[in-house]
Every structure is written in structure tokens, then in C-alpha cells.
Amino acid sequence: MERIDKLKTFLEKSPNDSFLKHALALEYVKLGEEAGARQLFEEILTHDPAYIGSYYHLGKLLERTGQLPLAITWYEKGMAAARAAGDRHAYGELQGAYEEAMDG
């Protein structure tokens, strides 16, 4: 909980910091607090759609919670963002998750 408390303190000072929100969302994922993590990932991608790393994690979270069609939609959005940013590595990871979800 110490990490979560620190991240929340930092977010009070920089409430729109996508990196801090992403880090906090990952901490929530570790604790199984999917609703809190999902809310943060969605906030990030609504306000900062170029924050590519959150697409993958949101998609995986949605898959785990039985929301496969929505996960696929987020993977598609993430692939488009990665393509626009020229981030081949992120595109490849998102494409792999997307293809796995489509087969699943």
C-alpha cells in the first residue's frame, strides 16, 4: 500500500500525469482492484490517447473480466495509436494480444 499512497500523493500535485496514473493502475491490477485500474486506464486514454502502453493493459484487464469484445476494440485503438506514433514494438505487442483475443 505504500507505493499506492506515494503515487496518490504525487497525483495530487500532478493530477493529469499519465505516467503516474498508469503506475497506479498497475498497482491496482496487482491487488485485483480491477474497477479502479480500469477507471484509471480509461482516464489516461481519454485524455492522452498517445499513451500507448495503457491500451495493452486495459485490453488484458477487460479480457480477464470477461469483456472480450471491448478488449478487442481497445487493442484496435491501441494499434492505430502505435502506428501513428511509429512505435513498432508496441504495435507488435498489441497486434499479438489482438490476434490472441480474436482466436479466443
PDB file of N, CA and C in Angstrom:
ATOM      1  N   MET A   1       0.819  -1.214   0.000  1.00  0.00           N
ATOM      2  CA  MET A   1       0.000   0.000   0.000  1.00  0.00           C
ATOM      3  C   MET A   1       0.851   1.262   0.000  1.00  0.00           C
ATOM      4  N   GLU A   2       2.098   1.110   0.426  1.00  0.00           N
ATOM      5  CA  GLU A   2       2.964   2.281   0.492  1.00  0.00           C
ATOM      6  C   GLU A   2       3.161   2.901  -0.886  1.00  0.00           C
ATOM      7  N   ARG A   3       3.361   2.052  -1.895  1.00  0.00           N
ATOM      8  CA  ARG A   3       3.527   2.568  -3.261  1.00  0.00           C
ATOM      9  C   ARG A   3       2.275   3.294  -3.724  1.00  0.00           C
ATOM     10  N   ILE A   4       1.134   2.720  -3.422  1.00  0.00           N
ATOM     11  CA  ILE A   4      -0.128   3.344  -3.820  1.00  0.00           C
ATOM     12  C   ILE A   4      -0.280   4.706  -3.154  1.00  0.00           C
ATOM     13  N   ASP A   5       0.034   4.771  -1.876  1.00  0.00           N
ATOM     14  CA  ASP A   5      -0.061   6.048  -1.161  1.00  0.00           C
ATOM     15  C   ASP A   5       0.877   7.088  -1.762  1.00  0.00           C
ATOM     16  N   LYS A   6       2.099   6.671  -2.102  1.00  0.00           N
ATOM     17  CA  LYS A   6       3.054   7.599  -2.713  1.00  0.00           C
ATOM     18  C   LYS A   6       2.554   8.089  -4.064  1.00  0.00           C
ATOM     19  N   LEU A   7       2.047   7.159  -4.869  1.00  0.00           N
ATOM     20  CA  LEU A   7       1.540   7.540  -6.189  1.00  0.00           C
ATOM     21  C   LEU A   7       0.361   8.503  -6.073  1.00  0.00           C
ATOM     22  N   LYS A   8      -0.517   8.250  -5.128  1.00  0.00           N
ATOM     23  CA  LYS A   8      -1.658   9.147  -4.923  1.00  0.00           C
ATOM     24  C   LYS A   8      -1.200  10.535  -4.490  1.00  0.00           C
ATOM     25  N   THR A   9      -0.167  10.589  -3.655  1.00  0.00           N
ATOM     26  CA  THR A   9       0.385  11.876  -3.226  1.00  0.00           C
ATOM     27  C   THR A   9       0.952  12.636  -4.429  1.00  0.00           C
ATOM     28  N   PHE A  10       1.699  11.927  -5.273  1.00  0.00           N
ATOM     29  CA  PHE A  10       2.252  12.558  -6.472  1.00  0.00           C
ATOM     30  C   PHE A  10       1.133  13.043  -7.402  1.00  0.00           C
ATOM     31  N   LEU A  11       0.061  12.246  -7.498  1.00  0.00           N
ATOM     32  CA  LEU A  11      -1.062  12.614  -8.370  1.00  0.00           C
ATOM     33  C   LEU A  11      -1.817  13.836  -7.859  1.00  0.00           C
ATOM     34  N   GLU A  12      -1.801  14.048  -6.554  1.00  0.00           N
ATOM     35  CA  GLU A  12      -2.431  15.258  -6.014  1.00  0.00           C
ATOM     36  C   GLU A  12      -1.727  16.502  -6.544  1.00  0.00           C
ATOM     37  N   LYS A  13      -0.409  16.384  -6.729  1.00  0.00           N
ATOM     38  CA  LYS A  13       0.377  17.504  -7.237  1.00  0.00           C
ATOM     39  C   LYS A  13       0.329  17.608  -8.759  1.00  0.00           C
ATOM     40  N   SER A  14       0.180  16.466  -9.429  1.00  0.00           N
ATOM     41  CA  SER A  14       0.144  16.417 -10.902  1.00  0.00           C
ATOM     42  C   SER A  14      -1.012  15.521 -11.341  1.00  0.00           C
ATOM     43  N   PRO A  15      -2.256  15.996 -11.202  1.00  0.00           N
ATOM     44  CA  PRO A  15      -3.414  15.133 -11.431  1.00  0.00           C
ATOM     45  C   PRO A  15      -3.592  14.632 -12.867  1.00  0.00           C
ATOM     46  N   ASN A  16      -2.918  15.238 -13.822  1.00  0.00           N
ATOM     47  CA  ASN A  16      -3.078  14.806 -15.212  1.00  0.00           C
ATOM     48  C   ASN A  16      -1.865  14.047 -15.737  1.00  0.00           C
ATOM     49  N   ASP A  17      -1.012  13.584 -14.848  1.00  0.00           N
ATOM     50  CA  ASP A  17       0.202  12.880 -15.244  1.00  0.00           C
ATOM     51  C   ASP A  17      -0.137  11.434 -15.627  1.00  0.00           C
ATOM     52  N   SER A  18      -0.066  11.145 -16.916  1.00  0.00           N
ATOM     53  CA  SER A  18      -0.427   9.811 -17.413  1.00  0.00           C
ATOM     54  C   SER A  18       0.484   8.725 -16.865  1.00  0.00           C
ATOM     55  N   PHE A  19       1.762   9.026 -16.725  1.00  0.00           N
ATOM     56  CA  PHE A  19       2.699   8.041 -16.187  1.00  0.00           C
ATOM     57  C   PHE A  19       2.301   7.632 -14.777  1.00  0.00           C
ATOM     58  N   LEU A  20       1.996   8.614 -13.937  1.00  0.00           N
ATOM     59  CA  LEU A  20       1.604   8.314 -12.555  1.00  0.00           C
ATOM     60  C   LEU A  20       0.293   7.535 -12.503  1.00  0.00           C
ATOM     61  N   LYS A  21      -0.667   7.927 -13.333  1.00  0.00           N
ATOM     62  CA  LYS A  21      -1.945   7.197 -13.372  1.00  0.00           C
ATOM     63  C   LYS A  21      -1.730   5.757 -13.825  1.00  0.00           C
ATOM     64  N   HIS A  22      -0.878   5.583 -14.837  1.00  0.00           N
ATOM     65  CA  HIS A  22      -0.602   4.243 -15.350  1.00  0.00           C
ATOM     66  C   HIS A  22       0.042   3.384 -14.254  1.00  0.00           C
ATOM     67  N   ALA A  23       1.013   3.967 -13.549  1.00  0.00           N
ATOM     68  CA  ALA A  23       1.685   3.239 -12.471  1.00  0.00           C
ATOM     69  C   ALA A  23       0.692   2.854 -11.370  1.00  0.00           C
ATOM     70  N   LEU A  24      -0.196   3.755 -11.028  1.00  0.00           N
ATOM     71  CA  LEU A  24      -1.207   3.468 -10.004  1.00  0.00           C
ATOM     72  C   LEU A  24      -2.165   2.380 -10.490  1.00  0.00           C
ATOM     73  N   ALA A  25      -2.562   2.453 -11.740  1.00  0.00           N
ATOM     74  CA  ALA A  25      -3.448   1.425 -12.294  1.00  0.00           C
ATOM     75  C   ALA A  25      -2.783   0.052 -12.231  1.00  0.00           C
ATOM     76  N   LEU A  26      -1.495  -0.022 -12.531  1.00  0.00           N
ATOM     77  CA  LEU A  26      -0.783  -1.303 -12.456  1.00  0.00           C
ATOM     78  C   LEU A  26      -0.726  -1.830 -11.019  1.00  0.00           C
ATOM     79  N   GLU A  27      -0.592  -0.931 -10.068  1.00  0.00           N
ATOM     80  CA  GLU A  27      -0.626  -1.350  -8.659  1.00  0.00           C
ATOM     81  C   GLU A  27      -2.001  -1.918  -8.305  1.00  0.00           C
ATOM     82  N   TYR A  28      -3.050  -1.272  -8.806  1.00  0.00           N
ATOM     83  CA  TYR A  28      -4.399  -1.780  -8.565  1.00  0.00           C
ATOM     84  C   TYR A  28      -4.587  -3.161  -9.193  1.00  0.00           C
ATOM     85  N   VAL A  29      -4.032  -3.351 -10.390  1.00  0.00           N
ATOM     86  CA  VAL A  29      -4.122  -4.659 -11.049  1.00  0.00           C
ATOM     87  C   VAL A  29      -3.481  -5.721 -10.155  1.00  0.00           C
ATOM     88  N   LYS A  30      -2.311  -5.420  -9.606  1.00  0.00           N
ATOM     89  CA  LYS A  30      -1.621  -6.376  -8.736  1.00  0.00           C
ATOM     90  C   LYS A  30      -2.477  -6.780  -7.539  1.00  0.00           C
ATOM     91  N   LEU A  31      -3.284  -5.832  -7.049  1.00  0.00           N
ATOM     92  CA  LEU A  31      -4.133  -6.097  -5.879  1.00  0.00           C
ATOM     93  C   LEU A  31      -5.491  -6.686  -6.258  1.00  0.00           C
ATOM     94  N   GLY A  32      -5.744  -6.822  -7.563  1.00  0.00           N
ATOM     95  CA  GLY A  32      -7.035  -7.340  -8.017  1.00  0.00           C
ATOM     96  C   GLY A  32      -8.147  -6.312  -7.979  1.00  0.00           C
ATOM     97  N   GLU A  33      -7.781  -5.052  -7.874  1.00  0.00           N
ATOM     98  CA  GLU A  33      -8.783  -3.969  -7.858  1.00  0.00           C
ATOM     99  C   GLU A  33      -9.030  -3.504  -9.298  1.00  0.00           C
ATOM    100  N   GLU A  34      -9.731  -4.377 -10.037  1.00  0.00           N
ATOM    101  CA  GLU A  34      -9.916  -4.143 -11.466  1.00  0.00           C
ATOM    102  C   GLU A  34     -10.708  -2.884 -11.784  1.00  0.00           C
ATOM    103  N   ALA A  35     -11.711  -2.578 -10.992  1.00  0.00           N
ATOM    104  CA  ALA A  35     -12.535  -1.399 -11.283  1.00  0.00           C
ATOM    105  C   ALA A  35     -11.704  -0.115 -11.209  1.00  0.00           C
ATOM    106  N   GLY A  36     -10.884  -0.004 -10.177  1.00  0.00           N
ATOM    107  CA  GLY A  36     -10.030   1.175 -10.043  1.00  0.00           C
ATOM    108  C   GLY A  36      -9.008   1.261 -11.161  1.00  0.00           C
ATOM    109  N   ALA A  37      -8.426   0.124 -11.515  1.00  0.00           N
ATOM    110  CA  ALA A  37      -7.441   0.093 -12.595  1.00  0.00           C
ATOM    111  C   ALA A  37      -8.093   0.477 -13.918  1.00  0.00           C
ATOM    112  N   ARG A  38      -9.254  -0.096 -14.183  1.00  0.00           N
ATOM    113  CA  ARG A  38      -9.942   0.204 -15.441  1.00  0.00           C
ATOM    114  C   ARG A  38     -10.261   1.702 -15.550  1.00  0.00           C
ATOM    115  N   GLN A  39     -10.758   2.257 -14.466  1.00  0.00           N
ATOM    116  CA  GLN A  39     -11.099   3.678 -14.482  1.00  0.00           C
ATOM    117  C   GLN A  39      -9.874   4.526 -14.829  1.00  0.00           C
ATOM    118  N   LEU A  40      -8.740   4.202 -14.230  1.00  0.00           N
ATOM    119  CA  LEU A  40      -7.519   4.967 -14.490  1.00  0.00           C
ATOM    120  C   LEU A  40      -7.039   4.787 -15.928  1.00  0.00           C
ATOM    121  N   PHE A  41      -7.034   3.542 -16.422  1.00  0.00           N
ATOM    122  CA  PHE A  41      -6.604   3.317 -17.803  1.00  0.00           C
ATOM    123  C   PHE A  41      -7.506   4.085 -18.780  1.00  0.00           C
ATOM    124  N   GLU A  42      -8.805   4.050 -18.526  1.00  0.00           N
ATOM    125  CA  GLU A  42      -9.733   4.754 -19.417  1.00  0.00           C
ATOM    126  C   GLU A  42      -9.542   6.267 -19.334  1.00  0.00           C
ATOM    127  N   GLU A  43      -9.282   6.785 -18.133  1.00  0.00           N
ATOM    128  CA  GLU A  43      -8.999   8.224 -17.992  1.00  0.00           C
ATOM    129  C   GLU A  43      -7.771   8.608 -18.808  1.00  0.00           C
ATOM    130  N   ILE A  44      -6.733   7.805 -18.679  1.00  0.00           N
ATOM    131  CA  ILE A  44      -5.492   8.081 -19.413  1.00  0.00           C
ATOM    132  C   ILE A  44      -5.775   8.153 -20.905  1.00  0.00           C
ATOM    133  N   LEU A  45      -6.450   7.131 -21.421  1.00  0.00           N
ATOM    134  CA  LEU A  45      -6.635   7.036 -22.870  1.00  0.00           C
ATOM    135  C   LEU A  45      -7.656   8.034 -23.399  1.00  0.00           C
ATOM    136  N   THR A  46      -8.523   8.513 -22.544  1.00  0.00           N
ATOM    137  CA  THR A  46      -9.463   9.553 -22.948  1.00  0.00           C
ATOM    138  C   THR A  46      -8.740  10.892 -23.077  1.00  0.00           C
ATOM    139  N   HIS A  47      -7.854  11.167 -22.127  1.00  0.00           N
ATOM    140  CA  HIS A  47      -7.172  12.466 -22.100  1.00  0.00           C
ATOM    141  C   HIS A  47      -5.827  12.468 -22.819  1.00  0.00           C
ATOM    142  N   ASP A  48      -5.245  11.286 -22.985  1.00  0.00           N
ATOM    143  CA  ASP A  48      -3.922  11.181 -23.606  1.00  0.00           C
ATOM    144  C   ASP A  48      -3.875   9.927 -24.479  1.00  0.00           C
ATOM    145  N   PRO A  49      -4.594   9.938 -25.613  1.00  0.00           N
ATOM    146  CA  PRO A  49      -4.676   8.736 -26.449  1.00  0.00           C
ATOM    147  C   PRO A  49      -3.335   8.276 -27.016  1.00  0.00           C
ATOM    148  N   ALA A  50      -2.316   9.092 -26.914  1.00  0.00           N
ATOM    149  CA  ALA A  50      -0.986   8.703 -27.387  1.00  0.00           C
ATOM    150  C   ALA A  50      -0.201   7.931 -26.322  1.00  0.00           C
ATOM    151  N   TYR A  51      -0.787   7.726 -25.138  1.00  0.00           N
ATOM    152  CA  TYR A  51      -0.108   6.969 -24.080  1.00  0.00           C
ATOM    153  C   TYR A  51      -0.327   5.480 -24.360  1.00  0.00           C
ATOM    154  N   ILE A  52       0.459   4.956 -25.262  1.00  0.00           N
ATOM    155  CA  ILE A  52       0.214   3.663 -25.897  1.00  0.00           C
ATOM    156  C   ILE A  52       0.235   2.477 -24.934  1.00  0.00           C
ATOM    157  N   GLY A  53       1.078   2.522 -23.925  1.00  0.00           N
ATOM    158  CA  GLY A  53       1.193   1.385 -23.016  1.00  0.00           C
ATOM    159  C   GLY A  53      -0.092   1.013 -22.303  1.00  0.00           C
ATOM    160  N   SER A  54      -0.968   1.961 -22.123  1.00  0.00           N
ATOM    161  CA  SER A  54      -2.208   1.676 -21.389  1.00  0.00           C
ATOM    162  C   SER A  54      -3.209   0.863 -22.205  1.00  0.00           C
ATOM    163  N   TYR A  55      -3.111   0.896 -23.512  1.00  0.00           N
ATOM    164  CA  TYR A  55      -4.051   0.127 -24.338  1.00  0.00           C
ATOM    165  C   TYR A  55      -3.912  -1.371 -24.061  1.00  0.00           C
ATOM    166  N   TYR A  56      -2.689  -1.841 -24.030  1.00  0.00           N
ATOM    167  CA  TYR A  56      -2.437  -3.258 -23.808  1.00  0.00           C
ATOM    168  C   TYR A  56      -2.974  -3.687 -22.444  1.00  0.00           C
ATOM    169  N   HIS A  57      -2.624  -2.942 -21.413  1.00  0.00           N
ATOM    170  CA  HIS A  57      -3.031  -3.317 -20.061  1.00  0.00           C
ATOM    171  C   HIS A  57      -4.539  -3.236 -19.877  1.00  0.00           C
ATOM    172  N   LEU A  58      -5.180  -2.235 -20.470  1.00  0.00           N
ATOM    173  CA  LEU A  58      -6.640  -2.155 -20.390  1.00  0.00           C
ATOM    174  C   LEU A  58      -7.268  -3.335 -21.120  1.00  0.00           C
ATOM    175  N   GLY A  59      -6.747  -3.649 -22.290  1.00  0.00           N
ATOM    176  CA  GLY A  59      -7.276  -4.798 -23.034  1.00  0.00           C
ATOM    177  C   GLY A  59      -7.169  -6.088 -22.246  1.00  0.00           C
ATOM    178  N   LYS A  60      -6.027  -6.330 -21.652  1.00  0.00           N
ATOM    179  CA  LYS A  60      -5.840  -7.558 -20.858  1.00  0.00           C
ATOM    180  C   LYS A  60      -6.781  -7.586 -19.658  1.00  0.00           C
ATOM    181  N   LEU A  61      -6.951  -6.443 -19.012  1.00  0.00           N
ATOM    182  CA  LEU A  61      -7.866  -6.358 -17.875  1.00  0.00           C
ATOM    183  C   LEU A  61      -9.292  -6.696 -18.331  1.00  0.00           C
ATOM    184  N   LEU A  62      -9.694  -6.150 -19.448  1.00  0.00           N
ATOM    185  CA  LEU A  62     -11.040  -6.414 -19.960  1.00  0.00           C
ATOM    186  C   LEU A  62     -11.215  -7.884 -20.339  1.00  0.00           C
ATOM    187  N   GLU A  63     -10.172  -8.478 -20.894  1.00  0.00           N
ATOM    188  CA  GLU A  63     -10.240  -9.914 -21.197  1.00  0.00           C
ATOM    189  C   GLU A  63     -10.449 -10.717 -19.916  1.00  0.00           C
ATOM    190  N   ARG A  64      -9.668 -10.396 -18.884  1.00  0.00           N
ATOM    191  CA  ARG A  64      -9.775 -11.128 -17.607  1.00  0.00           C
ATOM    192  C   ARG A  64     -11.149 -10.992 -16.979  1.00  0.00           C
ATOM    193  N   THR A  65     -11.810  -9.882 -17.234  1.00  0.00           N
ATOM    194  CA  THR A  65     -13.125  -9.657 -16.610  1.00  0.00           C
ATOM    195  C   THR A  65     -14.265 -10.026 -17.556  1.00  0.00           C
ATOM    196  N   GLY A  66     -13.949 -10.787 -18.615  1.00  0.00           N
ATOM    197  CA  GLY A  66     -14.984 -11.332 -19.483  1.00  0.00           C
ATOM    198  C   GLY A  66     -15.572 -10.353 -20.485  1.00  0.00           C
ATOM    199  N   GLN A  67     -14.838  -9.324 -20.816  1.00  0.00           N
ATOM    200  CA  GLN A  67     -15.343  -8.314 -21.749  1.00  0.00           C
ATOM    201  C   GLN A  67     -14.507  -8.314 -23.030  1.00  0.00           C
ATOM    202  N   LEU A  68     -14.475  -9.474 -23.676  1.00  0.00           N
ATOM    203  CA  LEU A  68     -13.625  -9.674 -24.840  1.00  0.00           C
ATOM    204  C   LEU A  68     -13.901  -8.699 -25.988  1.00  0.00           C
ATOM    205  N   PRO A  69     -15.162  -8.467 -26.376  1.00  0.00           N
ATOM    206  CA  PRO A  69     -15.389  -7.523 -27.477  1.00  0.00           C
ATOM    207  C   PRO A  69     -14.836  -6.121 -27.189  1.00  0.00           C
ATOM    208  N   LEU A  70     -14.971  -5.671 -25.954  1.00  0.00           N
ATOM    209  CA  LEU A  70     -14.444  -4.352 -25.589  1.00  0.00           C
ATOM    210  C   LEU A  70     -12.920  -4.369 -25.577  1.00  0.00           C
ATOM    211  N   ALA A  71     -12.330  -5.463 -25.133  1.00  0.00           N
ATOM    212  CA  ALA A  71     -10.868  -5.598 -25.154  1.00  0.00           C
ATOM    213  C   ALA A  71     -10.358  -5.490 -26.590  1.00  0.00           C
ATOM    214  N   ILE A  72     -11.023  -6.170 -27.499  1.00  0.00           N
ATOM    215  CA  ILE A  72     -10.625  -6.143 -28.911  1.00  0.00           C
ATOM    216  C   ILE A  72     -10.696  -4.715 -29.452  1.00  0.00           C
ATOM    217  N   THR A  73     -11.739  -3.986 -29.085  1.00  0.00           N
ATOM    218  CA  THR A  73     -11.870  -2.586 -29.517  1.00  0.00           C
ATOM    219  C   THR A  73     -10.696  -1.754 -29.031  1.00  0.00           C
ATOM    220  N   TRP A  74     -10.300  -1.938 -27.765  1.00  0.00           N
ATOM    221  CA  TRP A  74      -9.172  -1.175 -27.232  1.00  0.00           C
ATOM    222  C   TRP A  74      -7.862  -1.579 -27.889  1.00  0.00           C
ATOM    223  N   TYR A  75      -7.703  -2.871 -28.196  1.00  0.00           N
ATOM    224  CA  TYR A  75      -6.496  -3.295 -28.915  1.00  0.00           C
ATOM    225  C   TYR A  75      -6.436  -2.615 -30.288  1.00  0.00           C
ATOM    226  N   GLU A  76      -7.563  -2.546 -30.958  1.00  0.00           N
ATOM    227  CA  GLU A  76      -7.606  -1.890 -32.274  1.00  0.00           C
ATOM    228  C   GLU A  76      -7.228  -0.417 -32.165  1.00  0.00           C
ATOM    229  N   LYS A  77      -7.778   0.261 -31.163  1.00  0.00           N
ATOM    230  CA  LYS A  77      -7.433   1.671 -30.957  1.00  0.00           C
ATOM    231  C   LYS A  77      -5.947   1.811 -30.644  1.00  0.00           C
ATOM    232  N   GLY A  78      -5.425   0.915 -29.842  1.00  0.00           N
ATOM    233  CA  GLY A  78      -4.010   0.948 -29.493  1.00  0.00           C
ATOM    234  C   GLY A  78      -3.109   0.716 -30.695  1.00  0.00           C
ATOM    235  N   MET A  79      -3.493  -0.228 -31.559  1.00  0.00           N
ATOM    236  CA  MET A  79      -2.695  -0.465 -32.766  1.00  0.00           C
ATOM    237  C   MET A  79      -2.678   0.778 -33.643  1.00  0.00           C
ATOM    238  N   ALA A  80      -3.812   1.451 -33.762  1.00  0.00           N
ATOM    239  CA  ALA A  80      -3.869   2.681 -34.552  1.00  0.00           C
ATOM    240  C   ALA A  80      -2.971   3.758 -33.940  1.00  0.00           C
ATOM    241  N   ALA A  81      -2.999   3.893 -32.616  1.00  0.00           N
ATOM    242  CA  ALA A  81      -2.160   4.891 -31.944  1.00  0.00           C
ATOM    243  C   ALA A  81      -0.681   4.548 -32.098  1.00  0.00           C
ATOM    244  N   ALA A  82      -0.343   3.270 -31.974  1.00  0.00           N
ATOM    245  CA  ALA A  82       1.051   2.846 -32.120  1.00  0.00           C
ATOM    246  C   ALA A  82       1.537   3.079 -33.546  1.00  0.00           C
ATOM    247  N   ARG A  83       0.683   2.778 -34.514  1.00  0.00           N
ATOM    248  CA  ARG A  83       1.034   3.005 -35.916  1.00  0.00           C
ATOM    249  C   ARG A  83       1.280   4.492 -36.161  1.00  0.00           C
ATOM    250  N   ALA A  84       0.401   5.328 -35.632  1.00  0.00           N
ATOM    251  CA  ALA A  84       0.536   6.777 -35.813  1.00  0.00           C
ATOM    252  C   ALA A  84       1.815   7.303 -35.162  1.00  0.00           C
ATOM    253  N   ALA A  85       2.223   6.680 -34.048  1.00  0.00           N
ATOM    254  CA  ALA A  85       3.426   7.115 -33.341  1.00  0.00           C
ATOM    255  C   ALA A  85       4.694   6.479 -33.908  1.00  0.00           C
ATOM    256  N   GLY A  86       4.519   5.526 -34.818  1.00  0.00           N
ATOM    257  CA  GLY A  86       5.678   4.830 -35.359  1.00  0.00           C
ATOM    258  C   GLY A  86       6.325   3.890 -34.363  1.00  0.00           C
ATOM    259  N   ASP A  87       5.562   3.412 -33.397  1.00  0.00           N
ATOM    260  CA  ASP A  87       6.070   2.526 -32.347  1.00  0.00           C
ATOM    261  C   ASP A  87       5.804   1.076 -32.754  1.00  0.00           C
ATOM    262  N   ARG A  88       6.760   0.497 -33.445  1.00  0.00           N
ATOM    263  CA  ARG A  88       6.595  -0.863 -33.960  1.00  0.00           C
ATOM    264  C   ARG A  88       6.516  -1.905 -32.849  1.00  0.00           C
ATOM    265  N   HIS A  89       7.292  -1.710 -31.805  1.00  0.00           N
ATOM    266  CA  HIS A  89       7.291  -2.671 -30.703  1.00  0.00           C
ATOM    267  C   HIS A  89       5.903  -2.742 -30.044  1.00  0.00           C
ATOM    268  N   ALA A  90       5.360  -1.586 -29.693  1.00  0.00           N
ATOM    269  CA  ALA A  90       4.029  -1.559 -29.073  1.00  0.00           C
ATOM    270  C   ALA A  90       2.981  -2.103 -30.036  1.00  0.00           C
ATOM    271  N   TYR A  91       3.118  -1.747 -31.312  1.00  0.00           N
ATOM    272  CA  TYR A  91       2.170  -2.256 -32.310  1.00  0.00           C
ATOM    273  C   TYR A  91       2.198  -3.784 -32.327  1.00  0.00           C
ATOM    274  N   GLY A  92       3.401  -4.352 -32.316  1.00  0.00           N
ATOM    275  CA  GLY A  92       3.531  -5.802 -32.339  1.00  0.00           C
ATOM    276  C   GLY A  92       2.912  -6.462 -31.118  1.00  0.00           C
ATOM    277  N   GLU A  93       3.113  -5.874 -29.945  1.00  0.00           N
ATOM    278  CA  GLU A  93       2.514  -6.430 -28.728  1.00  0.00           C
ATOM    279  C   GLU A  93       0.992  -6.355 -28.780  1.00  0.00           C
ATOM    280  N   LEU A  94       0.494  -5.218 -29.224  1.00  0.00           N
ATOM    281  CA  LEU A  94      -0.963  -5.052 -29.319  1.00  0.00           C
ATOM    282  C   LEU A  94      -1.549  -5.976 -30.375  1.00  0.00           C
ATOM    283  N   GLN A  95      -0.853  -6.117 -31.477  1.00  0.00           N
ATOM    284  CA  GLN A  95      -1.340  -6.997 -32.529  1.00  0.00           C
ATOM    285  C   GLN A  95      -1.377  -8.442 -32.048  1.00  0.00           C
ATOM    286  N   GLY A  96      -0.341  -8.856 -31.302  1.00  0.00           N
ATOM    287  CA  GLY A  96      -0.324 -10.207 -30.752  1.00  0.00           C
ATOM    288  C   GLY A  96      -1.490 -10.435 -29.797  1.00  0.00           C
ATOM    289  N   ALA A  97      -1.745  -9.474 -28.930  1.00  0.00           N
ATOM    290  CA  ALA A  97      -2.867  -9.591 -27.991  1.00  0.00           C
ATOM    291  C   ALA A  97      -4.192  -9.606 -28.745  1.00  0.00           C
ATOM    292  N   TYR A  98      -4.285  -8.755 -29.773  1.00  0.00           N
ATOM    293  CA  TYR A  98      -5.493  -8.680 -30.585  1.00  0.00           C
ATOM    294  C   TYR A  98      -5.769 -10.023 -31.269  1.00  0.00           C
ATOM    295  N   GLU A  99      -4.744 -10.582 -31.903  1.00  0.00           N
ATOM    296  CA  GLU A  99      -4.920 -11.855 -32.619  1.00  0.00           C
ATOM    297  C   GLU A  99      -5.280 -12.982 -31.667  1.00  0.00           C
ATOM    298  N   GLU A 100      -4.642 -12.978 -30.499  1.00  0.00           N
ATOM    299  CA  GLU A 100      -4.953 -13.980 -29.480  1.00  0.00           C
ATOM    300  C   GLU A 100      -6.406 -13.840 -29.021  1.00  0.00           C
ATOM    301  N   ALA A 101      -6.852 -12.615 -28.824  1.00  0.00           N
ATOM    302  CA  ALA A 101      -8.234 -12.354 -28.395  1.00  0.00           C
ATOM    303  C   ALA A 101      -9.223 -12.776 -29.490  1.00  0.00           C
ATOM    304  N   MET A 102      -8.865 -12.539 -30.728  1.00  0.00           N
ATOM    305  CA  MET A 102      -9.759 -12.895 -31.840  1.00  0.00           C
ATOM    306  C   MET A 102      -9.901 -14.411 -31.953  1.00  0.00           C
ATOM    307  N   ASP A 103      -8.854 -15.142 -31.618  1.00  0.00           N
ATOM    308  CA  ASP A 103      -8.876 -16.607 -31.679  1.00  0.00           C
ATOM    309  C   ASP A 103      -9.581 -17.201 -30.466  1.00  0.00           C
ATOM    310  N   GLY A 104      -9.628 -16.381 -29.377  1.00  0.00           N
ATOM    311  CA  GLY A 104     -10.114 -16.890 -28.105  1.00  0.00           C
ATOM    312  C   GLY A 104     -11.577 -16.943 -28.000  1.00  0.00           C
TER     313      GLY A 104
END
